Amino acid sequence: MDYREIIMKSKKIKITKIHRKTKAQMFKNLKEDDLIIFELSLKRSGRSYDTGTYASYIKITNLSTKEYTYKSSNELSHILNAFELEEVGE
């Protein structure tokens, strides 16, 4: 198996409360009780000559609507503050 085929997945995450609205793609359409999942591929992110390593992007899927987006962990840290989350299973 090629390591680039390995995908790390979170357990299912339930949106239990929305603290504030967001304009972020996919997240703006989330409702309370929606389920989302986070996925990260182990493929190489790449490097830039002057800025160093590129960010890895995490795929976030709304399991209720199948809508998805890609965000860096830095972007997610700001977006997820708008929600209360609960881990609900695999």
C-alpha atoms as a PDB file:
ATOM      1  CA  MET A   1       0.000   0.000   0.000  1.00  0.00           C
ATOM      2  CA  ASP A   2       1.244   3.445  -0.877  1.00  0.00           C
ATOM      3  CA  TYR A   3       1.295   5.781   2.146  1.00  0.00           C
ATOM      4  CA  ARG A   4      -0.441   8.479   0.047  1.00  0.00           C
ATOM      5  CA  GLU A   5      -3.565   6.315   0.056  1.00  0.00           C
ATOM      6  CA  ILE A   6      -3.825   6.508   3.851  1.00  0.00           C
ATOM      7  CA  ILE A   7      -6.616   8.789   5.046  1.00  0.00           C
ATOM      8  CA  MET A   8      -7.045   9.697   8.698  1.00  0.00           C
ATOM      9  CA  LYS A   9     -10.697  10.215   9.680  1.00  0.00           C
ATOM     10  CA  SER A  10     -12.311  11.671  12.758  1.00  0.00           C
ATOM     11  CA  LYS A  11     -15.275  10.121  14.482  1.00  0.00           C
ATOM     12  CA  LYS A  12     -18.626  11.679  13.615  1.00  0.00           C
ATOM     13  CA  ILE A  13     -19.033  15.127  15.140  1.00  0.00           C
ATOM     14  CA  LYS A  14     -22.471  16.543  15.957  1.00  0.00           C
ATOM     15  CA  ILE A  15     -23.218  20.266  15.812  1.00  0.00           C
ATOM     16  CA  THR A  16     -24.976  20.792  19.148  1.00  0.00           C
ATOM     17  CA  LYS A  17     -25.138  24.595  19.155  1.00  0.00           C
ATOM     18  CA  ILE A  18     -24.359  27.487  16.825  1.00  0.00           C
ATOM     19  CA  HIS A  19     -22.858  30.437  18.738  1.00  0.00           C
ATOM     20  CA  ARG A  20     -22.601  32.792  15.763  1.00  0.00           C
ATOM     21  CA  LYS A  21     -23.067  32.790  11.992  1.00  0.00           C
ATOM     22  CA  THR A  22     -20.113  32.294   9.662  1.00  0.00           C
ATOM     23  CA  LYS A  23     -19.618  33.018   5.972  1.00  0.00           C
ATOM     24  CA  ALA A  24     -17.209  30.089   5.563  1.00  0.00           C
ATOM     25  CA  GLN A  25     -18.067  27.734   2.714  1.00  0.00           C
ATOM     26  CA  MET A  26     -20.094  24.697   3.874  1.00  0.00           C
ATOM     27  CA  PHE A  27     -20.031  25.847   7.525  1.00  0.00           C
ATOM     28  CA  LYS A  28     -22.515  28.638   6.765  1.00  0.00           C
ATOM     29  CA  ASN A  29     -25.108  25.967   5.901  1.00  0.00           C
ATOM     30  CA  LEU A  30     -24.691  23.857   9.056  1.00  0.00           C
ATOM     31  CA  LYS A  31     -27.653  23.418  11.361  1.00  0.00           C
ATOM     32  CA  GLU A  32     -27.900  22.058  14.881  1.00  0.00           C
ATOM     33  CA  ASP A  33     -27.861  18.221  14.910  1.00  0.00           C
ATOM     34  CA  ASP A  34     -25.945  18.022  11.596  1.00  0.00           C
ATOM     35  CA  LEU A  35     -23.122  15.488  11.560  1.00  0.00           C
ATOM     36  CA  ILE A  36     -19.709  16.310  10.116  1.00  0.00           C
ATOM     37  CA  ILE A  37     -16.486  14.361   9.654  1.00  0.00           C
ATOM     38  CA  PHE A  38     -12.870  15.478   9.222  1.00  0.00           C
ATOM     39  CA  GLU A  39     -10.471  13.676   6.844  1.00  0.00           C
ATOM     40  CA  LEU A  40      -6.760  14.201   6.169  1.00  0.00           C
ATOM     41  CA  SER A  41      -4.691  12.454   3.518  1.00  0.00           C
ATOM     42  CA  LEU A  42      -1.044  11.673   4.269  1.00  0.00           C
ATOM     43  CA  LYS A  43       0.082  12.862   0.832  1.00  0.00           C
ATOM     44  CA  ARG A  44       2.870  15.424   0.687  1.00  0.00           C
ATOM     45  CA  SER A  45       1.832  19.067   1.130  1.00  0.00           C
ATOM     46  CA  GLY A  46       4.752  20.605  -0.729  1.00  0.00           C
ATOM     47  CA  ARG A  47       7.251  23.347  -0.048  1.00  0.00           C
ATOM     48  CA  SER A  48       7.820  26.876  -1.216  1.00  0.00           C
ATOM     49  CA  TYR A  49      11.282  28.361  -1.701  1.00  0.00           C
ATOM     50  CA  ASP A  50      10.663  31.419   0.445  1.00  0.00           C
ATOM     51  CA  THR A  51       7.748  30.551   2.744  1.00  0.00           C
ATOM     52  CA  GLY A  52       8.539  26.979   3.829  1.00  0.00           C
ATOM     53  CA  THR A  53       6.061  24.109   3.936  1.00  0.00           C
ATOM     54  CA  TYR A  54       2.555  24.527   2.543  1.00  0.00           C
ATOM     55  CA  ALA A  55      -0.371  23.931   4.878  1.00  0.00           C
ATOM     56  CA  SER A  56      -2.137  20.574   4.822  1.00  0.00           C
ATOM     57  CA  TYR A  57      -5.816  20.836   4.034  1.00  0.00           C
ATOM     58  CA  ILE A  58      -8.463  18.882   5.907  1.00  0.00           C
ATOM     59  CA  LYS A  59     -11.635  17.781   4.137  1.00  0.00           C
ATOM     60  CA  ILE A  60     -14.764  18.504   6.180  1.00  0.00           C
ATOM     61  CA  THR A  61     -17.976  16.820   5.044  1.00  0.00           C
ATOM     62  CA  ASN A  62     -21.520  17.492   6.217  1.00  0.00           C
ATOM     63  CA  LEU A  63     -22.850  13.932   6.364  1.00  0.00           C
ATOM     64  CA  SER A  64     -26.436  15.181   6.201  1.00  0.00           C
ATOM     65  CA  THR A  65     -26.070  17.004   2.866  1.00  0.00           C
ATOM     66  CA  LYS A  66     -22.799  15.524   1.471  1.00  0.00           C
ATOM     67  CA  GLU A  67     -21.530  19.101   1.038  1.00  0.00           C
ATOM     68  CA  TYR A  68     -17.806  19.405   1.734  1.00  0.00           C
ATOM     69  CA  THR A  69     -14.960  21.890   1.843  1.00  0.00           C
ATOM     70  CA  TYR A  70     -11.224  21.921   2.481  1.00  0.00           C
ATOM     71  CA  LYS A  71      -9.690  24.087   5.222  1.00  0.00           C
ATOM     72  CA  SER A  72      -6.279  24.315   6.873  1.00  0.00           C
ATOM     73  CA  SER A  73      -6.032  23.640  10.602  1.00  0.00           C
ATOM     74  CA  ASN A  74      -5.353  27.349  11.094  1.00  0.00           C
ATOM     75  CA  GLU A  75      -8.580  28.291   9.289  1.00  0.00           C
ATOM     76  CA  LEU A  76     -10.532  25.637  11.199  1.00  0.00           C
ATOM     77  CA  SER A  77      -9.421  26.951  14.580  1.00  0.00           C
ATOM     78  CA  HIS A  78     -11.208  30.234  13.830  1.00  0.00           C
ATOM     79  CA  ILE A  79     -14.304  28.738  12.173  1.00  0.00           C
ATOM     80  CA  LEU A  80     -14.981  26.061  14.795  1.00  0.00           C
ATOM     81  CA  ASN A  81     -15.227  28.688  17.550  1.00  0.00           C
ATOM     82  CA  ALA A  82     -18.664  29.470  16.121  1.00  0.00           C
ATOM     83  CA  PHE A  83     -19.981  26.008  17.053  1.00  0.00           C
ATOM     84  CA  GLU A  84     -20.430  23.711  19.988  1.00  0.00           C
ATOM     85  CA  LEU A  85     -19.420  20.173  18.978  1.00  0.00           C
ATOM     86  CA  GLU A  86     -19.918  16.698  20.375  1.00  0.00           C
ATOM     87  CA  GLU A  87     -18.182  13.483  19.314  1.00  0.00           C
ATOM     88  CA  VAL A  88     -20.920  10.931  18.667  1.00  0.00           C
ATOM     89  CA  GLY A  89     -19.247   7.826  17.277  1.00  0.00           C
ATOM     90  CA  GLU A  90     -17.476   6.295  14.365  1.00  0.00           C
END
